Protein backbone atom coordinates (compact mmCIF):
# COMPACT_ATOMS: atom_id res chain seq x y z
CA MET A 1 21.34 -28.11 20.14
CA ARG A 2 18.51 -27.34 22.57
CA THR A 3 19.59 -25.48 25.71
CA THR A 4 17.79 -24.05 28.71
CA GLY A 5 18.07 -20.65 27.02
CA GLY A 6 16.63 -21.78 23.69
CA TYR A 7 18.70 -23.16 20.81
CA ARG A 8 22.48 -22.99 20.33
CA HIS A 9 24.80 -23.73 17.45
CA VAL A 10 28.52 -23.13 17.02
CA TYR A 11 29.53 -21.95 13.55
CA GLN A 12 33.09 -21.06 12.57
CA GLY A 13 34.08 -20.99 16.23
CA GLU A 14 31.32 -18.57 17.21
CA SER A 15 28.45 -19.63 19.46
CA HIS A 16 25.00 -18.47 18.35
CA VAL A 17 22.07 -18.65 20.76
CA PHE A 18 18.44 -18.37 19.63
CA GLY A 19 16.17 -17.64 22.56
CA ASP A 20 13.07 -19.47 21.36
CA LEU A 21 11.54 -21.22 18.38
CA LYS A 22 10.25 -17.96 16.87
CA THR A 23 13.76 -16.49 16.95
CA LEU A 24 15.28 -19.61 15.42
CA LEU A 25 12.78 -19.61 12.54
CA ALA A 26 13.22 -15.90 11.89
CA CYS A 27 17.00 -16.08 11.84
CA ALA A 28 16.92 -19.09 9.50
CA SER A 29 14.89 -17.18 6.90
CA PRO A 30 16.52 -15.78 3.78
CA ARG A 31 17.04 -12.07 4.21
CA ARG A 32 14.01 -9.87 3.50
CA SER A 33 13.20 -6.29 4.26
CA GLY A 34 10.07 -7.02 6.29
CA ASP A 35 11.92 -9.14 8.85
CA ASP A 36 14.62 -6.48 9.10
CA LEU A 37 11.93 -3.82 9.59
CA ALA A 38 10.50 -5.87 12.44
CA GLY A 39 13.93 -6.48 13.98
CA LEU A 40 13.56 -10.24 13.55
CA GLY A 41 16.04 -11.23 10.86
CA ALA A 42 19.54 -12.61 11.34
CA THR A 43 22.07 -9.85 11.93
CA SER A 44 24.77 -11.58 9.85
CA ASP A 45 25.13 -14.30 7.27
CA ALA A 46 27.02 -16.41 9.80
CA ARG A 47 24.11 -16.19 12.23
CA ARG A 48 21.70 -17.14 9.44
CA VAL A 49 23.76 -20.23 8.60
CA ALA A 50 23.99 -21.18 12.28
CA ALA A 51 20.22 -20.88 12.62
CA ARG A 52 19.67 -23.11 9.60
CA MET A 53 22.02 -25.74 10.97
CA ALA A 54 20.24 -25.67 14.34
CA LEU A 55 16.87 -25.83 12.58
CA ALA A 56 17.98 -28.80 10.48
CA ASP A 57 18.62 -30.76 13.70
CA LEU A 58 15.23 -29.89 15.19
CA PRO A 59 12.77 -32.81 15.50
CA MET A 60 9.60 -32.29 13.50
CA LYS A 61 7.57 -33.22 16.59
CA THR A 62 8.76 -30.02 18.24
CA PHE A 63 6.15 -28.02 16.35
CA LEU A 64 3.35 -30.09 17.88
CA HIS A 65 4.38 -29.10 21.42
CA GLN A 66 5.78 -25.58 21.05
CA HIS A 67 3.26 -23.09 19.71
CA LEU A 68 4.44 -19.78 18.31
CA ILE A 69 1.30 -18.09 19.70
CA PRO A 70 -0.35 -19.60 22.81
CA TYR A 71 -3.32 -21.86 22.13
CA GLU A 72 -5.63 -19.92 24.40
CA GLU A 73 -4.78 -16.55 22.79
CA ASP A 74 -5.23 -17.21 19.07
CA GLU A 75 -7.95 -19.01 17.11
CA VAL A 76 -5.59 -19.75 14.23
CA THR A 77 -3.30 -21.63 16.62
CA ARG A 78 -6.32 -23.54 17.92
CA LEU A 79 -7.31 -24.40 14.36
CA ILE A 80 -3.81 -25.67 13.57
CA VAL A 81 -3.61 -27.80 16.71
CA ASP A 82 -7.13 -29.17 16.64
CA ALA A 83 -7.06 -30.05 12.93
CA HIS A 84 -3.73 -31.90 13.04
CA ASP A 85 -3.97 -35.46 11.72
CA GLU A 86 -1.57 -37.62 13.72
CA ALA A 87 -1.97 -40.66 11.48
CA ALA A 88 -1.13 -38.66 8.36
CA PHE A 89 1.94 -37.25 10.14
CA ALA A 90 3.26 -40.71 11.05
CA PRO A 91 5.52 -41.26 7.98
CA VAL A 92 7.71 -38.27 8.94
CA SER A 93 7.08 -38.06 12.69
CA SER A 94 10.53 -39.42 13.59
CA LEU A 95 12.44 -37.05 11.29
CA THR A 96 14.29 -33.85 11.94
CA VAL A 97 13.57 -30.82 9.75
CA GLY A 98 16.76 -31.51 7.78
CA ALA A 99 15.83 -35.16 7.25
CA PHE A 100 12.34 -34.07 6.20
CA ARG A 101 13.94 -31.95 3.47
CA GLU A 102 15.78 -35.02 2.18
CA TRP A 103 12.55 -37.07 2.35
CA LEU A 104 10.68 -34.47 0.30
CA LEU A 105 13.38 -34.38 -2.38
CA ALA A 106 13.72 -38.17 -2.59
CA TRP A 107 12.75 -39.77 -5.89
CA GLU A 108 10.47 -42.21 -4.09
CA THR A 109 8.39 -39.42 -2.52
CA ASP A 110 5.68 -38.96 -5.11
CA ALA A 111 2.40 -37.10 -5.48
CA ARG A 112 0.42 -39.79 -3.66
CA ALA A 113 2.75 -39.69 -0.65
CA LEU A 114 2.65 -35.89 -0.49
CA ALA A 115 -1.15 -35.79 -0.75
CA GLY A 116 -1.47 -38.27 2.09
CA LEU A 117 0.96 -36.33 4.25
CA ALA A 118 -0.70 -32.92 3.87
CA PRO A 119 -3.24 -33.22 6.74
CA GLY A 120 -0.40 -34.20 9.08
CA LEU A 121 1.70 -31.11 8.40
CA THR A 122 1.42 -27.85 10.27
CA PRO A 123 2.26 -24.48 8.68
CA GLU A 124 5.26 -24.10 10.96
CA MET A 125 6.68 -27.42 9.74
CA VAL A 126 6.48 -26.49 6.08
CA ALA A 127 7.80 -22.98 6.74
CA ALA A 128 10.74 -24.48 8.63
CA VAL A 129 11.73 -26.92 5.91
CA SER A 130 11.39 -24.24 3.23
CA LYS A 131 14.08 -22.21 5.01
CA LEU A 132 16.55 -25.03 4.37
CA MET A 133 15.80 -25.21 0.66
CA ARG A 134 17.27 -23.55 -2.39
CA ASN A 135 14.89 -22.14 -4.98
CA SER A 136 15.37 -25.20 -7.16
CA ASP A 137 14.39 -27.44 -4.23
CA LEU A 138 11.17 -25.49 -3.71
CA ILE A 139 10.34 -25.92 -7.39
CA ALA A 140 11.23 -29.63 -7.52
CA VAL A 141 9.04 -30.57 -4.56
CA ALA A 142 6.09 -28.35 -5.46
CA ALA A 143 6.09 -29.78 -9.00
CA LYS A 144 5.30 -33.21 -7.54
CA VAL A 145 2.14 -31.97 -5.80
CA ARG A 146 -1.23 -31.81 -7.53
CA VAL A 147 -4.17 -30.20 -5.74
CA VAL A 148 -7.30 -30.38 -7.89
CA THR A 149 -10.45 -28.34 -7.19
CA ALA A 150 -13.59 -27.63 -9.18
CA PHE A 151 -16.68 -25.46 -9.53
CA ARG A 152 -17.65 -25.00 -13.19
CA SER A 153 -14.08 -25.62 -14.33
CA THR A 154 -11.49 -28.01 -12.91
CA VAL A 155 -8.28 -26.35 -11.75
CA GLY A 156 -4.94 -27.97 -10.89
CA LEU A 157 -4.76 -30.94 -13.23
CA GLU A 158 -1.40 -32.12 -14.57
CA GLY A 159 -0.33 -30.28 -17.72
CA ARG A 160 -2.73 -27.39 -17.15
CA LEU A 161 -2.19 -23.74 -16.24
CA ALA A 162 -5.28 -21.72 -15.38
CA ALA A 163 -5.57 -17.95 -15.19
CA ARG A 164 -7.63 -15.49 -13.25
CA LEU A 165 -8.92 -12.78 -15.55
CA GLN A 166 -8.75 -9.50 -13.54
CA PRO A 167 -10.66 -6.74 -15.41
CA ASN A 168 -10.52 -4.05 -12.71
CA HIS A 169 -11.62 -0.47 -13.29
CA PRO A 170 -11.03 2.64 -11.09
CA THR A 171 -14.71 3.66 -11.15
CA ASP A 172 -16.28 0.20 -11.43
CA ASP A 173 -17.60 1.12 -14.87
CA ALA A 174 -19.57 -1.93 -16.00
CA ALA A 175 -19.02 -1.37 -19.74
CA ALA A 176 -15.27 -1.00 -19.26
CA ILE A 177 -15.12 -4.13 -17.10
CA ALA A 178 -17.15 -6.04 -19.70
CA ALA A 179 -14.75 -4.89 -22.45
CA ALA A 180 -11.71 -5.95 -20.41
CA THR A 181 -13.39 -9.29 -19.73
CA ILE A 182 -13.92 -9.94 -23.43
CA ASP A 183 -10.33 -8.93 -24.10
CA GLY A 184 -9.10 -11.52 -21.62
CA LEU A 185 -11.38 -14.26 -22.93
CA LEU A 186 -9.94 -13.74 -26.42
CA PHE A 187 -6.55 -14.72 -24.99
CA GLY A 188 -7.92 -17.76 -23.18
CA MET A 189 -7.86 -16.17 -19.73
CA GLY A 190 -10.53 -16.71 -17.09
CA ASP A 191 -10.65 -20.46 -16.56
CA ALA A 192 -9.70 -20.08 -12.89
CA VAL A 193 -12.11 -17.20 -12.32
CA ILE A 194 -13.21 -13.88 -13.75
CA GLY A 195 -12.50 -11.83 -10.65
CA VAL A 196 -13.04 -8.10 -10.18
CA ASN A 197 -11.62 -6.05 -7.31
CA PRO A 198 -14.30 -3.40 -6.80
CA ALA A 199 -13.16 0.17 -6.29
CA THR A 200 -16.14 0.66 -3.99
CA ASP A 201 -16.97 -2.11 -1.54
CA ASN A 202 -20.74 -1.92 -1.14
CA VAL A 203 -23.60 -4.29 -1.72
CA ASP A 204 -25.20 -2.47 -4.65
CA THR A 205 -21.91 -2.24 -6.57
CA SER A 206 -21.17 -5.91 -5.91
CA ILE A 207 -24.61 -7.03 -7.06
CA GLY A 208 -24.38 -4.94 -10.21
CA LEU A 209 -20.99 -6.35 -11.18
CA LEU A 210 -21.93 -9.92 -10.26
CA THR A 211 -25.07 -9.69 -12.38
CA MET A 212 -23.21 -8.24 -15.36
CA LEU A 213 -20.49 -10.92 -15.24
CA ASP A 214 -23.02 -13.71 -14.80
CA ASN A 215 -25.02 -12.44 -17.78
CA ILE A 216 -21.90 -12.62 -19.95
CA ARG A 217 -21.14 -16.11 -18.64
CA GLN A 218 -24.63 -17.36 -19.38
CA ARG A 219 -24.93 -15.67 -22.77
CA LEU A 220 -21.67 -17.25 -23.95
CA ASP A 221 -22.15 -20.46 -21.93
CA ILE A 222 -18.67 -20.14 -20.39
CA PRO A 223 -17.71 -22.97 -18.02
CA THR A 224 -16.05 -20.76 -15.43
CA GLN A 225 -16.91 -18.85 -12.28
CA SER A 226 -17.05 -15.16 -11.47
CA CYS A 227 -16.22 -13.34 -8.28
CA VAL A 228 -16.41 -9.77 -7.05
CA LEU A 229 -13.69 -9.50 -4.43
CA SER A 230 -15.72 -7.62 -1.85
CA HIS A 231 -15.43 -8.15 1.89
CA VAL A 232 -17.05 -11.37 3.04
CA THR A 233 -19.83 -9.46 4.81
CA THR A 234 -20.67 -7.62 1.59
CA THR A 235 -20.88 -10.90 -0.27
CA LEU A 236 -23.10 -12.40 2.42
CA ALA A 237 -25.45 -9.45 2.08
CA ALA A 238 -25.43 -9.89 -1.71
CA ILE A 239 -26.37 -13.56 -1.31
CA GLU A 240 -29.24 -12.59 0.98
CA ARG A 241 -30.51 -10.27 -1.77
CA GLY A 242 -30.42 -13.01 -4.40
CA ALA A 243 -27.22 -12.05 -6.25
CA PRO A 244 -25.62 -14.69 -8.52
CA VAL A 245 -22.63 -15.44 -6.25
CA ASP A 246 -20.33 -18.22 -7.39
CA LEU A 247 -17.32 -17.75 -5.08
CA VAL A 248 -16.94 -16.01 -1.73
CA PHE A 249 -13.70 -14.05 -1.50
CA GLN A 250 -11.72 -12.89 1.52
CA SER A 251 -8.19 -11.73 2.29
CA ILE A 252 -6.83 -13.72 5.22
CA ALA A 253 -3.72 -13.79 7.40
CA GLY A 254 -1.99 -16.11 9.85
CA THR A 255 -3.04 -14.72 13.23
CA GLN A 256 -6.35 -13.95 14.86
CA ALA A 257 -5.28 -10.33 15.34
CA ALA A 258 -4.34 -9.90 11.69
CA ASN A 259 -7.65 -11.40 10.56
CA ALA A 260 -9.42 -9.02 12.93
CA GLY A 261 -7.67 -6.25 11.02
CA PHE A 262 -9.35 -7.60 7.90
CA GLY A 263 -12.64 -7.61 9.80
CA VAL A 264 -13.03 -11.38 9.68
CA THR A 265 -13.21 -14.41 11.99
CA LEU A 266 -13.19 -18.13 11.33
CA ALA A 267 -16.86 -18.30 12.25
CA MET A 268 -17.66 -15.62 9.68
CA LEU A 269 -15.84 -17.57 6.97
CA ALA A 270 -17.75 -20.72 7.89
CA GLU A 271 -21.06 -18.84 7.64
CA ALA A 272 -20.13 -17.49 4.22
CA ARG A 273 -19.09 -20.90 2.92
CA ASP A 274 -22.36 -22.43 4.08
CA ALA A 275 -24.29 -19.64 2.36
CA ALA A 276 -22.44 -20.13 -0.93
CA LEU A 277 -22.84 -23.90 -0.79
CA SER A 278 -26.57 -23.50 -0.27
CA LEU A 279 -26.83 -21.86 -3.72
CA LYS A 280 -25.60 -25.06 -5.44
CA ARG A 281 -24.28 -23.13 -8.46
CA GLY A 282 -21.33 -25.40 -9.24
CA THR A 283 -21.58 -27.98 -12.01
CA VAL A 284 -18.42 -30.12 -11.75
CA GLY A 285 -17.60 -29.34 -8.11
CA GLN A 286 -18.57 -27.32 -5.06
CA ASN A 287 -15.36 -25.57 -3.95
CA VAL A 288 -16.84 -22.13 -3.30
CA MET A 289 -14.16 -20.12 -1.47
CA TYR A 290 -11.40 -17.87 -2.84
CA PHE A 291 -8.67 -16.57 -0.53
CA GLU A 292 -5.80 -14.13 -1.04
CA THR A 293 -2.76 -13.82 1.20
CA GLY A 294 0.62 -12.12 1.09
CA GLN A 295 3.83 -11.92 3.09
CA GLY A 296 3.85 -8.82 5.25
CA ALA A 297 0.10 -8.62 5.87
CA ALA A 298 0.36 -9.48 9.57
CA LEU A 299 3.41 -7.29 10.12
CA SER A 300 1.78 -4.31 8.41
CA ALA A 301 -1.09 -4.64 10.92
CA ASN A 302 1.33 -5.04 13.85
CA ALA A 303 -0.33 -8.41 14.40
CA HIS A 304 2.59 -10.77 13.73
CA HIS A 305 3.40 -11.68 17.37
CA GLY A 306 7.11 -11.52 16.66
CA ILE A 307 6.91 -14.26 14.01
CA ASP A 308 8.87 -13.85 10.77
CA GLN A 309 6.70 -12.92 7.82
CA GLN A 310 7.16 -16.12 5.85
CA THR A 311 6.15 -18.34 8.76
CA VAL A 312 3.12 -16.23 9.62
CA GLU A 313 2.16 -16.31 5.94
CA ALA A 314 2.21 -20.12 6.03
CA ARG A 315 -0.15 -19.99 9.01
CA ALA A 316 -2.68 -18.23 6.78
CA TYR A 317 -2.75 -21.38 4.68
CA ALA A 318 -4.13 -23.31 7.66
CA VAL A 319 -7.05 -20.89 7.67
CA ALA A 320 -7.60 -21.42 3.94
CA ARG A 321 -7.28 -25.20 4.19
CA ALA A 322 -10.13 -25.39 6.71
CA PHE A 323 -12.63 -24.16 4.10
CA SER A 324 -11.76 -26.32 1.04
CA PRO A 325 -11.26 -23.38 -1.34
CA LEU A 326 -11.36 -23.47 -5.11
CA LEU A 327 -8.51 -20.95 -5.30
CA VAL A 328 -5.83 -19.50 -3.04
CA ASN A 329 -3.22 -17.05 -4.19
CA THR A 330 -0.43 -15.08 -2.64
CA VAL A 331 -0.27 -11.53 -3.98
CA VAL A 332 3.45 -11.79 -3.65
CA GLY A 333 4.84 -8.32 -4.36
CA PHE A 334 1.74 -6.24 -3.74
CA ILE A 335 2.43 -4.87 -0.26
CA GLY A 336 5.67 -3.21 -1.35
CA PRO A 337 9.43 -2.99 -0.81
CA GLU A 338 9.05 -2.39 2.91
CA TYR A 339 8.31 -6.13 3.12
CA LEU A 340 9.90 -7.59 -0.03
CA TYR A 341 12.52 -5.13 -1.19
CA ASP A 342 13.59 -6.29 -4.63
CA ALA A 343 13.15 -8.93 -7.31
CA LYS A 344 15.32 -11.44 -5.46
CA GLU A 345 13.13 -11.24 -2.37
CA ILE A 346 9.89 -11.27 -4.38
CA THR A 347 11.02 -14.30 -6.36
CA ARG A 348 12.02 -16.19 -3.24
CA ALA A 349 8.76 -15.34 -1.49
CA GLY A 350 6.66 -16.45 -4.46
CA LEU A 351 8.39 -19.84 -4.57
CA GLU A 352 8.17 -20.25 -0.79
CA ASP A 353 4.48 -19.43 -0.67
CA HIS A 354 3.63 -21.76 -3.54
CA PHE A 355 5.68 -24.59 -1.99
CA CYS A 356 4.19 -24.18 1.50
CA GLY A 357 0.62 -23.92 0.24
CA LYS A 358 0.94 -26.97 -1.97
CA LEU A 359 2.49 -29.09 0.82
CA LEU A 360 -0.44 -28.17 3.05
CA GLY A 361 -2.88 -29.32 0.37
CA LEU A 362 -3.96 -26.00 -1.09
CA PRO A 363 -4.79 -25.13 -4.73
CA MET A 364 -2.11 -22.43 -4.90
CA GLY A 365 -1.90 -19.65 -7.41
CA VAL A 366 0.31 -16.57 -7.42
CA ASP A 367 -0.21 -12.99 -8.45
CA VAL A 368 3.25 -12.38 -9.91
CA CYS A 369 3.43 -8.68 -9.22
CA TYR A 370 5.32 -5.69 -7.87
CA THR A 371 4.65 -2.10 -6.92
CA ASN A 372 6.21 0.72 -8.88
CA HIS A 373 8.52 1.74 -6.02
CA ALA A 374 10.04 -1.75 -5.64
CA GLU A 375 13.43 -2.69 -7.07
CA ALA A 376 11.87 -4.96 -9.70
CA ASP A 377 10.62 -4.85 -13.28
CA SER A 378 8.71 -6.92 -15.81
CA ASP A 379 11.78 -8.98 -16.72
CA ASP A 380 11.94 -10.13 -13.10
CA MET A 381 8.27 -11.08 -13.18
CA ASP A 382 8.82 -13.05 -16.39
CA GLY A 383 11.45 -15.05 -14.53
CA LEU A 384 9.24 -15.76 -11.52
CA ALA A 385 6.29 -16.72 -13.72
CA LEU A 386 8.46 -19.17 -15.64
CA LEU A 387 9.74 -20.73 -12.40
CA LEU A 388 6.22 -21.07 -11.00
CA ALA A 389 4.85 -22.61 -14.19
CA ASN A 390 7.57 -25.26 -13.96
CA ALA A 391 6.71 -25.74 -10.28
CA GLY A 392 3.14 -26.64 -11.24
CA VAL A 393 1.34 -23.53 -10.05
CA ASN A 394 -2.44 -23.96 -10.34
CA PHE A 395 -3.12 -20.49 -11.73
CA LEU A 396 -1.67 -17.07 -12.36
CA ILE A 397 -3.36 -13.68 -12.50
CA ALA A 398 -3.51 -11.66 -15.69
CA VAL A 399 -4.52 -8.03 -16.22
CA PRO A 400 -4.75 -6.04 -19.46
CA GLY A 401 -1.27 -4.85 -20.45
CA ALA A 402 0.20 -6.11 -17.14
CA ASP A 403 -0.90 -2.82 -15.52
CA ASP A 404 -3.79 -2.81 -13.07
CA ILE A 405 -5.33 0.63 -13.52
CA MET A 406 -7.41 0.41 -10.35
CA LEU A 407 -4.98 -1.11 -7.84
CA ASN A 408 -1.99 0.70 -9.40
CA TYR A 409 0.50 -2.15 -9.45
CA GLN A 410 2.16 -4.30 -12.10
CA SER A 411 1.16 -7.91 -12.69
CA LEU A 412 1.28 -10.30 -15.67
CA SER A 413 -0.49 -9.58 -18.94
CA HIS A 414 -2.75 -11.91 -20.89
CA HIS A 415 0.11 -12.26 -23.38
CA ASP A 416 2.50 -13.36 -20.62
CA VAL A 417 0.31 -16.23 -19.47
CA LEU A 418 -0.48 -17.24 -23.04
CA SER A 419 3.25 -17.32 -23.82
CA LEU A 420 3.87 -19.62 -20.85
CA ARG A 421 1.18 -22.00 -22.06
CA HIS A 422 2.71 -22.09 -25.53
CA LEU A 423 6.31 -22.43 -24.30
CA LEU A 424 5.67 -25.19 -21.76
CA LYS A 425 2.78 -26.88 -23.61
CA LEU A 426 0.36 -26.19 -20.77
CA ARG A 427 -3.35 -26.06 -21.48
CA PRO A 428 -6.32 -24.28 -19.89
CA ALA A 429 -8.79 -26.08 -17.62
CA PRO A 430 -10.45 -28.89 -19.65
CA GLU A 431 -14.01 -27.53 -19.59
CA PHE A 432 -12.76 -24.09 -20.57
CA GLU A 433 -10.56 -25.55 -23.29
CA HIS A 434 -13.62 -27.22 -24.83
CA TRP A 435 -15.42 -23.89 -24.74
CA LEU A 436 -12.49 -22.16 -26.45
CA SER A 437 -12.69 -24.77 -29.18
CA ARG A 438 -16.44 -24.27 -29.61
CA MET A 439 -15.88 -20.54 -29.90
CA GLY A 440 -13.25 -21.00 -32.61
CA LEU A 441 -10.51 -19.58 -30.39
CA LEU A 442 -8.11 -22.53 -30.78
CA ASP A 443 -5.88 -23.22 -33.75
CA GLY A 444 -5.32 -26.59 -35.44
CA GLN A 445 -2.90 -27.65 -32.70
CA GLY A 446 -5.31 -26.80 -29.89
CA ARG A 447 -3.55 -23.56 -28.92
CA VAL A 448 -4.96 -20.09 -28.45
CA PRO A 449 -3.23 -18.09 -31.19
CA PRO A 450 -1.73 -14.65 -30.46
CA LEU A 451 -4.52 -13.05 -32.52
CA PRO A 452 -8.11 -14.34 -32.57
CA SER A 453 -10.02 -14.82 -35.79
CA PRO A 454 -12.36 -11.98 -36.77
CA ALA A 455 -15.39 -14.26 -36.41
CA SER A 456 -14.45 -15.30 -32.86
CA MET A 457 -13.76 -11.72 -31.89
CA GLN A 458 -17.14 -10.63 -33.22
CA ARG A 459 -18.98 -13.31 -31.19
CA LEU A 460 -17.46 -12.05 -27.95
CA LEU A 461 -17.86 -8.41 -28.86
CA ASP A 462 -21.54 -9.03 -29.52
CA ALA A 463 -21.82 -10.43 -25.99
CA ARG A 464 -20.19 -7.34 -24.55
CA GLY A 465 -22.50 -5.07 -26.50
CA HIS A 466 -25.50 -6.88 -25.07
CA HIS A 467 -24.55 -5.55 -21.60
CA GLU A 468 -23.46 -2.00 -22.39
């Protein structure tokens, strides 16, 4: 119940008081190390259950009137409030958070209903309802949502699983990156994007890598897009110098202060999107932005405003939604065990992030990953990847051998994503699938085999040699 001192619920004879909405949301979250580090999490399982019961009784309209960060202090809050679509919200406006959970899980609530609702939902609403859900609930609802975007390939269609090919190198060696790119293409990776994290973020490096990747794309006539994941200002400078920029990348977070830590504002993102759109490089669509997020980013910058890390992560999705991106992914285990301690927490966070992003209308992907000092291993990542594929994730990230030699963390391998496609009968993006067929990289059943034919391998190797 709501009281003058916040929110109160009696559980097992004990009265639990939650001083404000931020406290209620934080205490309702599943346990995670980041919230404990910040002193925000529930201090007992009983208090967590009491918070969830109080949250279940909270009217959804509450989030339209109580802002976790004051409107006048935070441009992300202003974006959330000003962009809210009251008409889209109408079908659930009379519900409590608990009743909204039941509405989402109902058989009658289909993809059309969820797509129509998305503009009416705020990040805090979807974060709140996720806290009342089991993992299987998060999967069941997210699997109903399709968010389709396009540039040179179409990502997010039913029955498809795209992959970002991530051929990073610790010295940005162009020949090594080209070789890793060809390796990934042989396994059918890259239909979401061929995306390189540069070891050195400067304009000359970015232009060199962009030019090399675009030359490979053109030589092989690959219907995909490339991206060098430099800071948005670096990419803007590259555009001004005539570089072949397909997508503009930026890491984002859920508060103005956290985005300032990334050196970015909403106005800067709008300028970059306009610049990329002016190039008109897309063929089947013009979604030109690529965003990465991750639970713990705001807390690590001391820019979380006392909000639990899952809720502030969902607020980052409001930032992404404003710019109609081609791709968004949470780098779920990348920040480390200080924020997501073990495989259980990483798995939960990955499913939460995917669910929240999809409900808000985002083309969500996940980097299924962990750092070497986390309590997790590749078996755990196999499990999360399988859950996400069943939840309808738009794309996953793949690196050679599951080991990123530049960023020094563990992700999925090309083989892992290929195995998921085979197991669940998921196919690459349609334009990319046609290209794979033309290149002789599909077998008689339309699958990418575990080993490419010698002729197909030679075609791609010839393309790599052209750029060495």
